[in-house]
Amino acid sequence: MSVLTGVEFIVGDQARRKGLSFSIERSPDVPAELRGDALRLEQILLNLVSNSVKFTSTGTVSITIRVAATDHESVTLEFRIADTGIGLSDEQIGRLFQAFSQADSSTTRQYGGTGLGLAICKRLVQAMRGKIWAEGRLGEGSLFAFTAAFGRVPIATAMPQTLSEAPIAPAGPAIADVMAGLKGAHILVVEDNEFNQQVIAELLEQAGVTVALAGTGQDALRQLGGEARFDAVLMDVQMPDMDGYEATRAIRAMPGSEQLVVIAITANATKEDRERCLAAGMTDFQPKPIDPQALYRTLSRWLVR
């Protein structure tokens, strides 16, 4: 499924349920096929567009895409996400992309969220040889924009459509329905890399999931042995001290956790790795880098709410 179609399925439906007008416009000179990191681009767009929907009560949310620069081998695109929401002050804009910072505490209390997604977006954009910025005025909406570089696809080469808006129907339920089914779930994310923690947490929070984070296997066992109750655990396999396999075996030995959903998250996606995860007592397997739609569908398969 193309990136824009995925964003439309996931966030467009959320916007329309709030009574907002949602649109995606692509300049005619934007190539239909480009070579690049589709998952990284989707994560950026989902984060920025979800924020716009969250902070807009009436009016519109729109995505526009144009060519910012081009040469023989690459195309740099500019993505602009505009809304008619609460807007931003100059002071807020100045610290938006700092880690662990949101516009202000009152915004956090009213709308929820940590603001970590914007710092994550900045890192992802930089990895795509681009830049990100924001504009706006209080009470007059906001604009988030970023650039990203992509490789050209030779005419004779058949490549997946990275940016196509073709209405490709997904297998199974619409992704918006899948996400709606996850709302209210409590999930523990066990991951020793803080950046990966926040990427996964932001994706889950977009589906209405309550997220807790653990940086080690020991921390995960402590939280699972406490008063909090979880519907599932996303378990990184490669962690120091206690890896995901050992942590999962320990979870299975805990009274009442024999049937807890434990999904492995790992960059090693061979058949042998999958079999090892299942042998350790894990319920399912989610490869890295995380594909948002695949993650939602995997969780939905096990969390019937």
C-alpha atoms as a PDB file:
ATOM      1  CA  MET A   1       0.000   0.000   0.000  1.00  0.00           C
ATOM      2  CA  SER A   2       1.335   3.475  -0.823  1.00  0.00           C
ATOM      3  CA  VAL A   3       2.333   5.929   1.873  1.00  0.00           C
ATOM      4  CA  LEU A   4      -0.359   8.491   1.086  1.00  0.00           C
ATOM      5  CA  THR A   5      -3.050   5.857   0.881  1.00  0.00           C
ATOM      6  CA  GLY A   6      -1.948   4.577   4.283  1.00  0.00           C
ATOM      7  CA  VAL A   7      -2.115   8.048   5.823  1.00  0.00           C
ATOM      8  CA  GLU A   8      -5.564   8.526   4.302  1.00  0.00           C
ATOM      9  CA  PHE A   9      -6.801   5.250   5.811  1.00  0.00           C
ATOM     10  CA  ILE A  10      -5.332   5.887   9.263  1.00  0.00           C
ATOM     11  CA  VAL A  11      -5.734   9.629   9.865  1.00  0.00           C
ATOM     12  CA  GLY A  12      -8.240  10.785   7.260  1.00  0.00           C
ATOM     13  CA  ASP A  13     -10.999   8.769   8.875  1.00  0.00           C
ATOM     14  CA  GLN A  14     -10.122  10.192  12.300  1.00  0.00           C
ATOM     15  CA  ALA A  15     -10.381  13.724  10.916  1.00  0.00           C
ATOM     16  CA  ARG A  16     -13.747  13.143   9.294  1.00  0.00           C
ATOM     17  CA  ARG A  17     -15.124  11.590  12.465  1.00  0.00           C
ATOM     18  CA  LYS A  18     -14.356  14.921  14.168  1.00  0.00           C
ATOM     19  CA  GLY A  19     -16.234  16.738  11.412  1.00  0.00           C
ATOM     20  CA  LEU A  20     -13.048  18.099   9.828  1.00  0.00           C
ATOM     21  CA  SER A  21     -12.357  18.472   6.131  1.00  0.00           C
ATOM     22  CA  PHE A  22      -9.313  16.381   5.198  1.00  0.00           C
ATOM     23  CA  SER A  23      -7.456  16.506   1.895  1.00  0.00           C
ATOM     24  CA  ILE A  24      -4.223  15.398   0.221  1.00  0.00           C
ATOM     25  CA  GLU A  25      -3.006  17.356  -2.787  1.00  0.00           C
ATOM     26  CA  ARG A  26       0.021  16.423  -4.868  1.00  0.00           C
ATOM     27  CA  SER A  27       1.552  18.776  -7.401  1.00  0.00           C
ATOM     28  CA  PRO A  28       1.378  17.353 -10.949  1.00  0.00           C
ATOM     29  CA  ASP A  29       5.178  17.369 -11.258  1.00  0.00           C
ATOM     30  CA  VAL A  30       5.664  15.052  -8.267  1.00  0.00           C
ATOM     31  CA  PRO A  31       6.726  11.659  -9.688  1.00  0.00           C
ATOM     32  CA  ALA A  32       4.391   8.765  -8.947  1.00  0.00           C
ATOM     33  CA  GLU A  33       7.346   6.459  -8.300  1.00  0.00           C
ATOM     34  CA  LEU A  34      10.358   7.320  -6.148  1.00  0.00           C
ATOM     35  CA  ARG A  35      12.938   5.268  -4.291  1.00  0.00           C
ATOM     36  CA  GLY A  36      13.138   5.906  -0.553  1.00  0.00           C
ATOM     37  CA  ASP A  37      12.270   4.804   2.974  1.00  0.00           C
ATOM     38  CA  ALA A  38       8.489   4.469   2.843  1.00  0.00           C
ATOM     39  CA  LEU A  39       8.149   3.395   6.497  1.00  0.00           C
ATOM     40  CA  ARG A  40      10.144   6.376   7.758  1.00  0.00           C
ATOM     41  CA  LEU A  41       8.094   8.764   5.603  1.00  0.00           C
ATOM     42  CA  GLU A  42       4.852   7.234   6.826  1.00  0.00           C
ATOM     43  CA  GLN A  43       5.916   7.626  10.462  1.00  0.00           C
ATOM     44  CA  ILE A  44       6.668  11.316   9.934  1.00  0.00           C
ATOM     45  CA  LEU A  45       3.385  12.018   8.168  1.00  0.00           C
ATOM     46  CA  LEU A  46       1.298  10.035  10.646  1.00  0.00           C
ATOM     47  CA  ASN A  47       2.810  11.902  13.557  1.00  0.00           C
ATOM     48  CA  LEU A  48       2.428  15.390  12.100  1.00  0.00           C
ATOM     49  CA  VAL A  49      -1.047  14.849  10.661  1.00  0.00           C
ATOM     50  CA  SER A  50      -2.295  13.173  13.837  1.00  0.00           C
ATOM     51  CA  ASN A  51      -1.128  16.207  15.819  1.00  0.00           C
ATOM     52  CA  SER A  52      -3.003  18.515  13.465  1.00  0.00           C
ATOM     53  CA  VAL A  53      -6.179  16.471  13.858  1.00  0.00           C
ATOM     54  CA  LYS A  54      -5.743  16.365  17.654  1.00  0.00           C
ATOM     55  CA  PHE A  55      -5.358  20.150  17.981  1.00  0.00           C
ATOM     56  CA  THR A  56      -8.078  21.116  15.484  1.00  0.00           C
ATOM     57  CA  SER A  57     -11.712  21.156  16.596  1.00  0.00           C
ATOM     58  CA  THR A  58     -13.285  22.745  13.507  1.00  0.00           C
ATOM     59  CA  GLY A  59     -12.226  23.475   9.953  1.00  0.00           C
ATOM     60  CA  THR A  60      -9.619  21.685   7.870  1.00  0.00           C
ATOM     61  CA  VAL A  61      -6.477  19.587   7.896  1.00  0.00           C
ATOM     62  CA  SER A  62      -4.601  19.283   4.625  1.00  0.00           C
ATOM     63  CA  ILE A  63      -1.437  17.762   3.183  1.00  0.00           C
ATOM     64  CA  THR A  64       0.192  19.288   0.114  1.00  0.00           C
ATOM     65  CA  ILE A  65       3.255  17.912  -1.645  1.00  0.00           C
ATOM     66  CA  ARG A  66       5.443  19.690  -4.168  1.00  0.00           C
ATOM     67  CA  VAL A  67       8.871  19.322  -5.734  1.00  0.00           C
ATOM     68  CA  ALA A  68      11.387  21.498  -3.877  1.00  0.00           C
ATOM     69  CA  ALA A  69      14.506  20.556  -5.858  1.00  0.00           C
ATOM     70  CA  THR A  70      15.574  18.040  -8.453  1.00  0.00           C
ATOM     71  CA  ASP A  71      18.629  16.730 -10.250  1.00  0.00           C
ATOM     72  CA  HIS A  72      19.512  13.808 -12.467  1.00  0.00           C
ATOM     73  CA  GLU A  73      19.515  11.240  -9.646  1.00  0.00           C
ATOM     74  CA  SER A  74      17.221  12.576  -6.924  1.00  0.00           C
ATOM     75  CA  VAL A  75      14.076  14.552  -6.146  1.00  0.00           C
ATOM     76  CA  THR A  76      13.559  16.569  -2.964  1.00  0.00           C
ATOM     77  CA  LEU A  77       9.920  16.900  -1.973  1.00  0.00           C
ATOM     78  CA  GLU A  78       8.331  19.393   0.390  1.00  0.00           C
ATOM     79  CA  PHE A  79       5.407  18.205   2.507  1.00  0.00           C
ATOM     80  CA  ARG A  80       3.146  20.816   4.145  1.00  0.00           C
ATOM     81  CA  ILE A  81       0.576  19.898   6.792  1.00  0.00           C
ATOM     82  CA  ALA A  82      -1.786  22.815   7.479  1.00  0.00           C
ATOM     83  CA  ASP A  83      -4.662  23.058   9.928  1.00  0.00           C
ATOM     84  CA  THR A  84      -7.140  25.554  11.349  1.00  0.00           C
ATOM     85  CA  GLY A  85      -6.490  24.516  14.943  1.00  0.00           C
ATOM     86  CA  ILE A  86      -5.279  26.264  18.092  1.00  0.00           C
ATOM     87  CA  GLY A  87      -2.137  27.651  16.468  1.00  0.00           C
ATOM     88  CA  LEU A  88       1.279  28.378  17.949  1.00  0.00           C
ATOM     89  CA  SER A  89       3.159  31.319  19.415  1.00  0.00           C
ATOM     90  CA  ASP A  90       6.703  32.219  18.365  1.00  0.00           C
ATOM     91  CA  GLU A  91       7.962  31.007  21.739  1.00  0.00           C
ATOM     92  CA  GLN A  92       6.241  27.648  21.331  1.00  0.00           C
ATOM     93  CA  ILE A  93       7.598  27.214  17.816  1.00  0.00           C
ATOM     94  CA  GLY A  94      11.110  27.848  19.117  1.00  0.00           C
ATOM     95  CA  ARG A  95      11.047  24.772  21.348  1.00  0.00           C
ATOM     96  CA  LEU A  96       8.661  22.450  19.506  1.00  0.00           C
ATOM     97  CA  PHE A  97      11.303  20.078  18.180  1.00  0.00           C
ATOM     98  CA  GLN A  98      13.238  19.714  21.432  1.00  0.00           C
ATOM     99  CA  ALA A  99      13.114  16.301  23.069  1.00  0.00           C
ATOM    100  CA  PHE A 100      10.631  16.002  25.951  1.00  0.00           C
ATOM    101  CA  SER A 101       8.997  19.340  25.140  1.00  0.00           C
ATOM    102  CA  GLN A 102       5.465  20.202  24.110  1.00  0.00           C
ATOM    103  CA  ALA A 103       3.955  23.613  23.457  1.00  0.00           C
ATOM    104  CA  ASP A 104       3.179  24.144  27.154  1.00  0.00           C
ATOM    105  CA  SER A 105       1.802  22.301  30.168  1.00  0.00           C
ATOM    106  CA  SER A 106      -1.759  23.539  29.663  1.00  0.00           C
ATOM    107  CA  THR A 107      -1.749  22.063  26.170  1.00  0.00           C
ATOM    108  CA  THR A 108      -0.598  18.734  27.585  1.00  0.00           C
ATOM    109  CA  ARG A 109      -3.395  18.777  30.160  1.00  0.00           C
ATOM    110  CA  GLN A 110      -6.089  19.671  27.620  1.00  0.00           C
ATOM    111  CA  TYR A 111      -5.074  17.480  24.709  1.00  0.00           C
ATOM    112  CA  GLY A 112      -2.784  14.825  26.160  1.00  0.00           C
ATOM    113  CA  GLY A 113       0.438  13.512  24.663  1.00  0.00           C
ATOM    114  CA  THR A 114       4.086  14.094  25.435  1.00  0.00           C
ATOM    115  CA  GLY A 115       5.233  16.057  22.404  1.00  0.00           C
ATOM    116  CA  LEU A 116       8.037  13.549  21.897  1.00  0.00           C
ATOM    117  CA  GLY A 117       6.796  12.831  18.397  1.00  0.00           C
ATOM    118  CA  LEU A 118       8.098  16.130  17.043  1.00  0.00           C
ATOM    119  CA  ALA A 119      11.637  15.439  18.224  1.00  0.00           C
ATOM    120  CA  ILE A 120      11.356  12.009  16.655  1.00  0.00           C
ATOM    121  CA  CYS A 121      10.123  13.535  13.399  1.00  0.00           C
ATOM    122  CA  LYS A 122      13.112  15.868  13.329  1.00  0.00           C
ATOM    123  CA  ARG A 123      15.522  12.943  13.597  1.00  0.00           C
ATOM    124  CA  LEU A 124      13.675  10.966  10.930  1.00  0.00           C
ATOM    125  CA  VAL A 125      13.608  13.959   8.566  1.00  0.00           C
ATOM    126  CA  GLN A 126      17.329  14.560   9.046  1.00  0.00           C
ATOM    127  CA  ALA A 127      17.963  10.904   8.225  1.00  0.00           C
ATOM    128  CA  MET A 128      16.137  11.527   4.930  1.00  0.00           C
ATOM    129  CA  ARG A 129      18.461  14.462   4.152  1.00  0.00           C
ATOM    130  CA  GLY A 130      15.765  17.032   4.860  1.00  0.00           C
ATOM    131  CA  LYS A 131      14.735  19.729   7.313  1.00  0.00           C
ATOM    132  CA  ILE A 132      11.564  20.408   9.303  1.00  0.00           C
ATOM    133  CA  TRP A 133       9.970  23.606  10.548  1.00  0.00           C
ATOM    134  CA  ALA A 134       6.713  25.052  11.856  1.00  0.00           C
ATOM    135  CA  GLU A 135       4.763  28.268  11.369  1.00  0.00           C
ATOM    136  CA  GLY A 136       1.614  29.641  12.951  1.00  0.00           C
ATOM    137  CA  ARG A 137      -0.143  32.181  15.137  1.00  0.00           C
ATOM    138  CA  LEU A 138      -2.164  31.566  18.267  1.00  0.00           C
ATOM    139  CA  GLY A 139      -5.795  30.975  17.377  1.00  0.00           C
ATOM    140  CA  GLU A 140      -5.068  31.002  13.643  1.00  0.00           C
ATOM    141  CA  GLY A 141      -3.941  27.469  12.902  1.00  0.00           C
ATOM    142  CA  SER A 142      -0.506  26.029  12.245  1.00  0.00           C
ATOM    143  CA  LEU A 143       1.686  24.731   9.454  1.00  0.00           C
ATOM    144  CA  PHE A 144       4.246  21.964   9.780  1.00  0.00           C
ATOM    145  CA  ALA A 145       6.516  21.428   6.815  1.00  0.00           C
ATOM    146  CA  PHE A 146       9.466  19.228   5.999  1.00  0.00           C
ATOM    147  CA  THR A 147      11.599  18.227   3.053  1.00  0.00           C
ATOM    148  CA  ALA A 148      12.954  14.788   2.203  1.00  0.00           C
ATOM    149  CA  ALA A 149      15.163  13.476  -0.588  1.00  0.00           C
ATOM    150  CA  PHE A 150      14.264  10.485  -2.742  1.00  0.00           C
ATOM    151  CA  GLY A 151      15.996   8.613  -5.536  1.00  0.00           C
ATOM    152  CA  ARG A 152      14.632   8.554  -9.045  1.00  0.00           C
ATOM    153  CA  VAL A 153      13.290   5.288 -10.440  1.00  0.00           C
ATOM    154  CA  PRO A 154      14.480   4.313 -13.945  1.00  0.00           C
ATOM    155  CA  ILE A 155      11.584   4.152 -16.364  1.00  0.00           C
ATOM    156  CA  ALA A 156      12.205   0.512 -17.175  1.00  0.00           C
ATOM    157  CA  THR A 157      12.409  -0.524 -13.511  1.00  0.00           C
ATOM    158  CA  ALA A 158       9.284  -1.781 -11.795  1.00  0.00           C
ATOM    159  CA  MET A 159       9.181  -0.341  -8.288  1.00  0.00           C
ATOM    160  CA  PRO A 160       6.499  -0.073  -5.604  1.00  0.00           C
ATOM    161  CA  GLN A 161       4.682   3.255  -5.722  1.00  0.00           C
ATOM    162  CA  THR A 162       6.097   5.166  -2.794  1.00  0.00           C
ATOM    163  CA  LEU A 163       3.812   8.186  -3.089  1.00  0.00           C
ATOM    164  CA  SER A 164       0.939   7.030  -5.270  1.00  0.00           C
ATOM    165  CA  GLU A 165      -2.556   7.982  -4.198  1.00  0.00           C
ATOM    166  CA  ALA A 166      -4.145   5.007  -5.966  1.00  0.00           C
ATOM    167  CA  PRO A 167      -7.056   3.675  -3.861  1.00  0.00           C
ATOM    168  CA  ILE A 168      -5.621   0.241  -3.035  1.00  0.00           C
ATOM    169  CA  ALA A 169      -7.941  -1.608  -0.655  1.00  0.00           C
ATOM    170  CA  PRO A 170      -6.130  -3.341   2.265  1.00  0.00           C
ATOM    171  CA  ALA A 171      -6.648  -6.965   3.100  1.00  0.00           C
ATOM    172  CA  GLY A 172      -9.094  -7.485   5.945  1.00  0.00           C
ATOM    173  CA  PRO A 173     -10.834  -4.681   7.871  1.00  0.00           C
ATOM    174  CA  ALA A 174     -10.069  -1.049   7.065  1.00  0.00           C
ATOM    175  CA  ILE A 175      -7.117   0.166   9.089  1.00  0.00           C
ATOM    176  CA  ALA A 176      -9.268   2.797  10.825  1.00  0.00           C
ATOM    177  CA  ASP A 177     -11.495   0.003  12.160  1.00  0.00           C
ATOM    178  CA  VAL A 178      -8.437  -1.979  13.243  1.00  0.00           C
ATOM    179  CA  MET A 179      -7.138   1.041  15.159  1.00  0.00           C
ATOM    180  CA  ALA A 180     -10.535   1.670  16.722  1.00  0.00           C
ATOM    181  CA  GLY A 181     -10.495  -1.896  18.050  1.00  0.00           C
ATOM    182  CA  LEU A 182      -7.240  -1.223  19.887  1.00  0.00           C
ATOM    183  CA  LYS A 183      -8.524   1.857  21.694  1.00  0.00           C
ATOM    184  CA  GLY A 184      -8.305   1.471  25.452  1.00  0.00           C
ATOM    185  CA  ALA A 185      -5.775  -1.351  25.412  1.00  0.00           C
ATOM    186  CA  HIS A 186      -2.857  -1.213  27.868  1.00  0.00           C
ATOM    187  CA  ILE A 187       0.469  -2.239  26.331  1.00  0.00           C
ATOM    188  CA  LEU A 188       3.952  -2.471  27.831  1.00  0.00           C
ATOM    189  CA  VAL A 189       6.756  -1.627  25.373  1.00  0.00           C
ATOM    190  CA  VAL A 190      10.059  -3.258  26.378  1.00  0.00           C
ATOM    191  CA  GLU A 191      12.879  -1.640  24.385  1.00  0.00           C
ATOM    192  CA  ASP A 192      16.333  -0.498  25.495  1.00  0.00           C
ATOM    193  CA  ASN A 193      16.695   2.164  22.783  1.00  0.00           C
ATOM    194  CA  GLU A 194      14.943   5.349  23.908  1.00  0.00           C
ATOM    195  CA  PHE A 195      14.386   6.582  20.361  1.00  0.00           C
ATOM    196  CA  ASN A 196      12.731   3.292  19.349  1.00  0.00           C
ATOM    197  CA  GLN A 197      10.659   3.426  22.538  1.00  0.00           C
ATOM    198  CA  GLN A 198       9.166   6.755  21.588  1.00  0.00           C
ATOM    199  CA  VAL A 199       8.539   5.844  17.945  1.00  0.00           C
ATOM    200  CA  ILE A 200       6.545   2.786  18.997  1.00  0.00           C
ATOM    201  CA  ALA A 201       4.773   4.660  21.803  1.00  0.00           C
ATOM    202  CA  GLU A 202       3.663   7.435  19.448  1.00  0.00           C
ATOM    203  CA  LEU A 203       2.271   4.903  16.963  1.00  0.00           C
ATOM    204  CA  LEU A 204       0.334   3.114  19.688  1.00  0.00           C
ATOM    205  CA  GLU A 205      -0.996   6.337  21.205  1.00  0.00           C
ATOM    206  CA  GLN A 206      -2.359   7.327  17.789  1.00  0.00           C
ATOM    207  CA  ALA A 207      -4.599   4.255  18.075  1.00  0.00           C
ATOM    208  CA  GLY A 208      -5.805   5.234  21.550  1.00  0.00           C
ATOM    209  CA  VAL A 209      -3.583   2.744  23.374  1.00  0.00           C
ATOM    210  CA  THR A 210      -2.291   3.449  26.887  1.00  0.00           C
ATOM    211  CA  VAL A 211       1.465   2.826  26.818  1.00  0.00           C
ATOM    212  CA  ALA A 212       3.982   2.013  29.533  1.00  0.00           C
ATOM    213  CA  LEU A 213       7.716   1.839  28.793  1.00  0.00           C
ATOM    214  CA  ALA A 214      10.419  -0.452  30.119  1.00  0.00           C
ATOM    215  CA  GLY A 215      14.073  -0.081  29.187  1.00  0.00           C
ATOM    216  CA  THR A 216      15.234  -3.495  30.417  1.00  0.00           C
ATOM    217  CA  GLY A 217      13.876  -6.980  30.870  1.00  0.00           C
ATOM    218  CA  GLN A 218      14.150  -6.595  34.639  1.00  0.00           C
ATOM    219  CA  ASP A 219      12.096  -3.387  34.518  1.00  0.00           C
ATOM    220  CA  ALA A 220       9.447  -5.180  32.465  1.00  0.00           C
ATOM    221  CA  LEU A 221       9.183  -7.959  35.049  1.00  0.00           C
ATOM    222  CA  ARG A 222       8.900  -5.387  37.839  1.00  0.00           C
ATOM    223  CA  GLN A 223       6.029  -3.612  36.098  1.00  0.00           C
ATOM    224  CA  LEU A 224       4.262  -6.851  35.211  1.00  0.00           C
ATOM    225  CA  GLY A 225       4.541  -7.954  38.834  1.00  0.00           C
ATOM    226  CA  GLY A 226       3.019  -4.708  40.112  1.00  0.00           C
ATOM    227  CA  GLU A 227      -0.544  -3.451  40.272  1.00  0.00           C
ATOM    228  CA  ALA A 228      -0.796  -2.373  36.610  1.00  0.00           C
ATOM    229  CA  ARG A 229      -2.525  -4.796  34.256  1.00  0.00           C
ATOM    230  CA  PHE A 230      -1.498  -5.083  30.623  1.00  0.00           C
ATOM    231  CA  ASP A 231      -3.239  -6.542  27.594  1.00  0.00           C
ATOM    232  CA  ALA A 232       0.005  -7.132  25.692  1.00  0.00           C
ATOM    233  CA  VAL A 233       3.774  -6.729  25.780  1.00  0.00           C
ATOM    234  CA  LEU A 234       5.904  -5.617  22.829  1.00  0.00           C
ATOM    235  CA  MET A 235       9.261  -7.224  23.587  1.00  0.00           C
ATOM    236  CA  ASP A 236      12.543  -6.197  21.987  1.00  0.00           C
ATOM    237  CA  VAL A 237      14.621  -9.311  21.462  1.00  0.00           C
ATOM    238  CA  GLN A 238      18.129  -7.801  21.545  1.00  0.00           C
ATOM    239  CA  MET A 239      18.677  -6.198  24.952  1.00  0.00           C
ATOM    240  CA  PRO A 240      21.723  -6.261  27.256  1.00  0.00           C
ATOM    241  CA  ASP A 241      21.738  -8.174  30.569  1.00  0.00           C
ATOM    242  CA  MET A 242      18.355  -9.897  30.068  1.00  0.00           C
ATOM    243  CA  ASP A 243      17.349 -10.309  26.434  1.00  0.00           C
ATOM    244  CA  GLY A 244      13.806 -10.686  25.168  1.00  0.00           C
ATOM    245  CA  TYR A 245      13.908 -14.471  25.154  1.00  0.00           C
ATOM    246  CA  GLU A 246      14.936 -14.702  28.796  1.00  0.00           C
ATOM    247  CA  ALA A 247      12.452 -12.004  29.810  1.00  0.00           C
ATOM    248  CA  THR A 248       9.614 -13.820  28.042  1.00  0.00           C
ATOM    249  CA  ARG A 249      10.460 -17.127  29.738  1.00  0.00           C
ATOM    250  CA  ALA A 250      10.399 -15.291  33.068  1.00  0.00           C
ATOM    251  CA  ILE A 251       7.030 -13.749  32.225  1.00  0.00           C
ATOM    252  CA  ARG A 252       5.569 -17.168  31.431  1.00  0.00           C
ATOM    253  CA  ALA A 253       6.713 -18.361  34.849  1.00  0.00           C
ATOM    254  CA  MET A 254       4.802 -15.564  36.612  1.00  0.00           C
ATOM    255  CA  PRO A 255       1.391 -16.610  38.015  1.00  0.00           C
ATOM    256  CA  GLY A 256      -1.412 -15.258  35.846  1.00  0.00           C
ATOM    257  CA  SER A 257       0.870 -14.369  32.917  1.00  0.00           C
ATOM    258  CA  GLU A 258       0.787 -17.696  31.140  1.00  0.00           C
ATOM    259  CA  GLN A 259      -1.570 -16.374  28.442  1.00  0.00           C
ATOM    260  CA  LEU A 260      -0.373 -12.759  28.269  1.00  0.00           C
ATOM    261  CA  VAL A 261       0.178 -11.629  24.673  1.00  0.00           C
ATOM    262  CA  VAL A 262       3.930 -11.107  24.113  1.00  0.00           C
ATOM    263  CA  ILE A 263       4.935  -9.941  20.650  1.00  0.00           C
ATOM    264  CA  ALA A 264       8.599  -9.957  19.648  1.00  0.00           C
ATOM    265  CA  ILE A 265      10.015  -6.868  17.936  1.00  0.00           C
ATOM    266  CA  THR A 266      13.334  -7.461  16.216  1.00  0.00           C
ATOM    267  CA  ALA A 267      15.369  -6.560  13.167  1.00  0.00           C
ATOM    268  CA  ASN A 268      16.186 -10.251  12.654  1.00  0.00           C
ATOM    269  CA  ALA A 269      13.288 -11.619  10.646  1.00  0.00           C
ATOM    270  CA  THR A 270      14.455 -15.032   9.473  1.00  0.00           C
ATOM    271  CA  LYS A 271      12.438 -18.210   9.857  1.00  0.00           C
ATOM    272  CA  GLU A 272      14.892 -19.378  12.517  1.00  0.00           C
ATOM    273  CA  ASP A 273      14.440 -16.140  14.498  1.00  0.00           C
ATOM    274  CA  ARG A 274      10.665 -16.509  14.360  1.00  0.00           C
ATOM    275  CA  GLU A 275      10.870 -20.095  15.557  1.00  0.00           C
ATOM    276  CA  ARG A 276      13.185 -19.117  18.403  1.00  0.00           C
ATOM    277  CA  CYS A 277      10.743 -16.395  19.507  1.00  0.00           C
ATOM    278  CA  LEU A 278       7.826 -18.839  19.533  1.00  0.00           C
ATOM    279  CA  ALA A 279       9.917 -21.435  21.373  1.00  0.00           C
ATOM    280  CA  ALA A 280      10.657 -18.869  24.102  1.00  0.00           C
ATOM    281  CA  GLY A 281       6.920 -18.419  24.641  1.00  0.00           C
ATOM    282  CA  MET A 282       6.246 -15.350  22.534  1.00  0.00           C
ATOM    283  CA  THR A 283       2.836 -15.072  20.923  1.00  0.00           C
ATOM    284  CA  ASP A 284       3.754 -13.430  17.628  1.00  0.00           C
ATOM    285  CA  PHE A 285       6.511 -11.616  15.764  1.00  0.00           C
ATOM    286  CA  GLN A 286       6.823  -8.019  14.481  1.00  0.00           C
ATOM    287  CA  PRO A 287       9.923  -7.162  12.403  1.00  0.00           C
ATOM    288  CA  LYS A 288      11.793  -3.850  12.510  1.00  0.00           C
ATOM    289  CA  PRO A 289      11.631  -1.230  11.149  1.00  0.00           C
ATOM    290  CA  ILE A 290       8.086  -1.010  12.444  1.00  0.00           C
ATOM    291  CA  ASP A 291       5.412  -0.811   9.763  1.00  0.00           C
ATOM    292  CA  PRO A 292       2.543   1.058  11.506  1.00  0.00           C
ATOM    293  CA  GLN A 293      -0.248  -0.780   9.717  1.00  0.00           C
ATOM    294  CA  ALA A 294       1.369  -4.172  10.240  1.00  0.00           C
ATOM    295  CA  LEU A 295       1.810  -3.387  13.938  1.00  0.00           C
ATOM    296  CA  TYR A 296      -1.856  -2.412  14.325  1.00  0.00           C
ATOM    297  CA  ARG A 297      -3.010  -5.544  12.528  1.00  0.00           C
ATOM    298  CA  THR A 298      -0.737  -7.849  14.528  1.00  0.00           C
ATOM    299  CA  LEU A 299      -2.033  -6.431  17.804  1.00  0.00           C
ATOM    300  CA  SER A 300      -5.609  -6.576  16.567  1.00  0.00           C
ATOM    301  CA  ARG A 301      -5.183 -10.266  15.802  1.00  0.00           C
ATOM    302  CA  TRP A 302      -4.589 -10.981  19.489  1.00  0.00           C
ATOM    303  CA  LEU A 303      -6.449  -8.201  21.301  1.00  0.00           C
ATOM    304  CA  VAL A 304     -10.162  -8.731  20.772  1.00  0.00           C
ATOM    305  CA  ARG A 305     -11.820  -5.884  22.647  1.00  0.00           C
END
